[in-house]
Amino acid sequence: MAKAQQSMSEGRTPAMEMMEGVVILVSGILLLTPGFLTDALGLLGLMPWSRSYFINHFLEKNAERVFKQRNSVFINRTNSSEKKSNKDDAIEGEFWEDK
């Protein structure tokens, strides 16, 4: 938490610190789950050098999904000359997402 606050005070986004927090949280859950494999993974997630390995591995595997551009379009078809008498009126429009 202190690292995240420090990076925010320096004007940077605390993305890496937040991801480290997620890895620590998952590691704690793995340590509470019974089993030798889950305990080993949980302990590895608490060590700083392996934590950065997990984060880099996750980003390498999911970078395409995270940074893939999705084209979505919303078109609102109303006449600008019409005056809305009630704020609860529905707005007609179309939405589609290109994949």
C-alpha atoms as a PDB file:
ATOM      1  CA  MET A   1       0.000   0.000   0.000  1.00  0.00           C
ATOM      2  CA  ALA A   2       2.877   2.332   0.773  1.00  0.00           C
ATOM      3  CA  LYS A   3       4.414   1.676  -2.661  1.00  0.00           C
ATOM      4  CA  ALA A   4       1.104   2.497  -4.346  1.00  0.00           C
ATOM      5  CA  GLN A   5       0.760   5.734  -2.385  1.00  0.00           C
ATOM      6  CA  GLN A   6       4.332   6.687  -3.216  1.00  0.00           C
ATOM      7  CA  SER A   7       3.856   6.113  -6.938  1.00  0.00           C
ATOM      8  CA  MET A   8       0.606   8.123  -6.881  1.00  0.00           C
ATOM      9  CA  SER A   9       2.345  10.998  -5.100  1.00  0.00           C
ATOM     10  CA  GLU A  10       5.013  10.924  -7.833  1.00  0.00           C
ATOM     11  CA  GLY A  11       2.271  11.202 -10.457  1.00  0.00           C
ATOM     12  CA  ARG A  12       2.564   7.645 -11.793  1.00  0.00           C
ATOM     13  CA  THR A  13      -0.157   5.054 -12.118  1.00  0.00           C
ATOM     14  CA  PRO A  14       0.266   2.342  -9.454  1.00  0.00           C
ATOM     15  CA  ALA A  15      -0.590  -0.465 -11.894  1.00  0.00           C
ATOM     16  CA  MET A  16       2.320  -2.747 -10.971  1.00  0.00           C
ATOM     17  CA  GLU A  17       1.708  -2.266  -7.269  1.00  0.00           C
ATOM     18  CA  MET A  18      -1.967  -3.108  -7.744  1.00  0.00           C
ATOM     19  CA  MET A  19      -1.088  -6.266  -9.656  1.00  0.00           C
ATOM     20  CA  GLU A  20       1.332  -7.238  -6.881  1.00  0.00           C
ATOM     21  CA  GLY A  21      -1.526  -6.804  -4.422  1.00  0.00           C
ATOM     22  CA  VAL A  22      -3.703  -9.137  -6.480  1.00  0.00           C
ATOM     23  CA  VAL A  23      -0.932 -11.761  -6.557  1.00  0.00           C
ATOM     24  CA  ILE A  24      -0.511 -11.475  -2.784  1.00  0.00           C
ATOM     25  CA  LEU A  25      -4.271 -11.854  -2.305  1.00  0.00           C
ATOM     26  CA  VAL A  26      -4.404 -14.944  -4.528  1.00  0.00           C
ATOM     27  CA  SER A  27      -1.352 -16.340  -2.728  1.00  0.00           C
ATOM     28  CA  GLY A  28      -3.097 -15.916   0.616  1.00  0.00           C
ATOM     29  CA  ILE A  29      -6.155 -17.734  -0.703  1.00  0.00           C
ATOM     30  CA  LEU A  30      -3.935 -20.521  -2.018  1.00  0.00           C
ATOM     31  CA  LEU A  31      -2.253 -20.839   1.383  1.00  0.00           C
ATOM     32  CA  LEU A  32      -5.651 -21.253   3.040  1.00  0.00           C
ATOM     33  CA  THR A  33      -6.681 -23.912   0.520  1.00  0.00           C
ATOM     34  CA  PRO A  34      -5.607 -27.413   1.606  1.00  0.00           C
ATOM     35  CA  GLY A  35      -2.964 -29.153  -0.478  1.00  0.00           C
ATOM     36  CA  PHE A  36       0.781 -29.237  -1.039  1.00  0.00           C
ATOM     37  CA  LEU A  37       0.628 -27.761  -4.537  1.00  0.00           C
ATOM     38  CA  THR A  38      -1.537 -24.834  -3.460  1.00  0.00           C
ATOM     39  CA  ASP A  39       0.757 -24.171  -0.485  1.00  0.00           C
ATOM     40  CA  ALA A  40       3.822 -24.196  -2.754  1.00  0.00           C
ATOM     41  CA  LEU A  41       2.191 -21.782  -5.231  1.00  0.00           C
ATOM     42  CA  GLY A  42       0.998 -19.576  -2.370  1.00  0.00           C
ATOM     43  CA  LEU A  43       4.500 -19.340  -0.904  1.00  0.00           C
ATOM     44  CA  LEU A  44       5.987 -18.592  -4.311  1.00  0.00           C
ATOM     45  CA  GLY A  45       3.469 -15.785  -4.773  1.00  0.00           C
ATOM     46  CA  LEU A  46       4.634 -14.150  -1.554  1.00  0.00           C
ATOM     47  CA  MET A  47       8.283 -13.947  -2.659  1.00  0.00           C
ATOM     48  CA  PRO A  48       9.066 -10.714  -4.581  1.00  0.00           C
ATOM     49  CA  TRP A  49      11.176 -12.322  -7.326  1.00  0.00           C
ATOM     50  CA  SER A  50       8.579 -14.961  -8.149  1.00  0.00           C
ATOM     51  CA  ARG A  51       5.763 -12.422  -7.829  1.00  0.00           C
ATOM     52  CA  SER A  52       7.258 -10.374 -10.651  1.00  0.00           C
ATOM     53  CA  TYR A  53       7.653 -13.602 -12.685  1.00  0.00           C
ATOM     54  CA  PHE A  54       3.937 -14.397 -12.219  1.00  0.00           C
ATOM     55  CA  ILE A  55       2.937 -10.864 -13.257  1.00  0.00           C
ATOM     56  CA  ASN A  56       5.198 -10.867 -16.333  1.00  0.00           C
ATOM     57  CA  HIS A  57       3.981 -14.333 -17.336  1.00  0.00           C
ATOM     58  CA  PHE A  58       0.341 -13.259 -16.953  1.00  0.00           C
ATOM     59  CA  LEU A  59       0.904 -10.115 -19.026  1.00  0.00           C
ATOM     60  CA  GLU A  60       2.720 -12.051 -21.768  1.00  0.00           C
ATOM     61  CA  LYS A  61      -0.125 -14.546 -22.030  1.00  0.00           C
ATOM     62  CA  ASN A  62      -2.930 -11.972 -21.890  1.00  0.00           C
ATOM     63  CA  ALA A  63      -1.398  -8.884 -23.525  1.00  0.00           C
ATOM     64  CA  GLU A  64      -3.264  -9.458 -26.763  1.00  0.00           C
ATOM     65  CA  ARG A  65      -6.583  -9.772 -24.936  1.00  0.00           C
ATOM     66  CA  VAL A  66      -5.910  -6.764 -22.702  1.00  0.00           C
ATOM     67  CA  PHE A  67      -4.709  -4.399 -25.420  1.00  0.00           C
ATOM     68  CA  LYS A  68      -6.930  -5.635 -28.252  1.00  0.00           C
ATOM     69  CA  GLN A  69      -8.945  -2.766 -29.677  1.00  0.00           C
ATOM     70  CA  ARG A  70     -12.671  -3.351 -29.634  1.00  0.00           C
ATOM     71  CA  ASN A  71     -14.789  -1.290 -31.943  1.00  0.00           C
ATOM     72  CA  SER A  72     -18.151  -0.438 -30.484  1.00  0.00           C
ATOM     73  CA  VAL A  73     -20.565   2.073 -31.892  1.00  0.00           C
ATOM     74  CA  PHE A  74     -23.655   3.730 -30.422  1.00  0.00           C
ATOM     75  CA  ILE A  75     -25.975   5.754 -32.634  1.00  0.00           C
ATOM     76  CA  ASN A  76     -28.672   7.930 -31.088  1.00  0.00           C
ATOM     77  CA  ARG A  77     -31.479   8.704 -33.547  1.00  0.00           C
ATOM     78  CA  THR A  78     -33.565  11.569 -32.243  1.00  0.00           C
ATOM     79  CA  ASN A  79     -34.480  14.861 -33.789  1.00  0.00           C
ATOM     80  CA  SER A  80     -32.625  17.724 -32.177  1.00  0.00           C
ATOM     81  CA  SER A  81     -35.669  19.956 -32.683  1.00  0.00           C
ATOM     82  CA  GLU A  82     -37.804  17.755 -30.399  1.00  0.00           C
ATOM     83  CA  LYS A  83     -37.938  18.991 -26.839  1.00  0.00           C
ATOM     84  CA  LYS A  84     -37.939  16.461 -24.057  1.00  0.00           C
ATOM     85  CA  SER A  85     -40.834  17.104 -21.725  1.00  0.00           C
ATOM     86  CA  ASN A  86     -39.918  14.377 -19.242  1.00  0.00           C
ATOM     87  CA  LYS A  87     -36.514  13.191 -18.058  1.00  0.00           C
ATOM     88  CA  ASP A  88     -37.753   9.586 -17.877  1.00  0.00           C
ATOM     89  CA  ASP A  89     -38.347   9.312 -21.636  1.00  0.00           C
ATOM     90  CA  ALA A  90     -36.549   6.442 -23.328  1.00  0.00           C
ATOM     91  CA  ILE A  91     -33.846   7.177 -25.855  1.00  0.00           C
ATOM     92  CA  GLU A  92     -34.046   5.127 -29.017  1.00  0.00           C
ATOM     93  CA  GLY A  93     -30.781   3.972 -30.502  1.00  0.00           C
ATOM     94  CA  GLU A  94     -28.798   1.114 -31.887  1.00  0.00           C
ATOM     95  CA  PHE A  95     -25.724  -0.570 -30.447  1.00  0.00           C
ATOM     96  CA  TRP A  96     -23.460  -3.135 -31.996  1.00  0.00           C
ATOM     97  CA  GLU A  97     -19.993  -4.415 -31.257  1.00  0.00           C
ATOM     98  CA  ASP A  98     -17.567  -5.511 -33.975  1.00  0.00           C
ATOM     99  CA  LYS A  99     -15.513  -8.558 -33.100  1.00  0.00           C
END
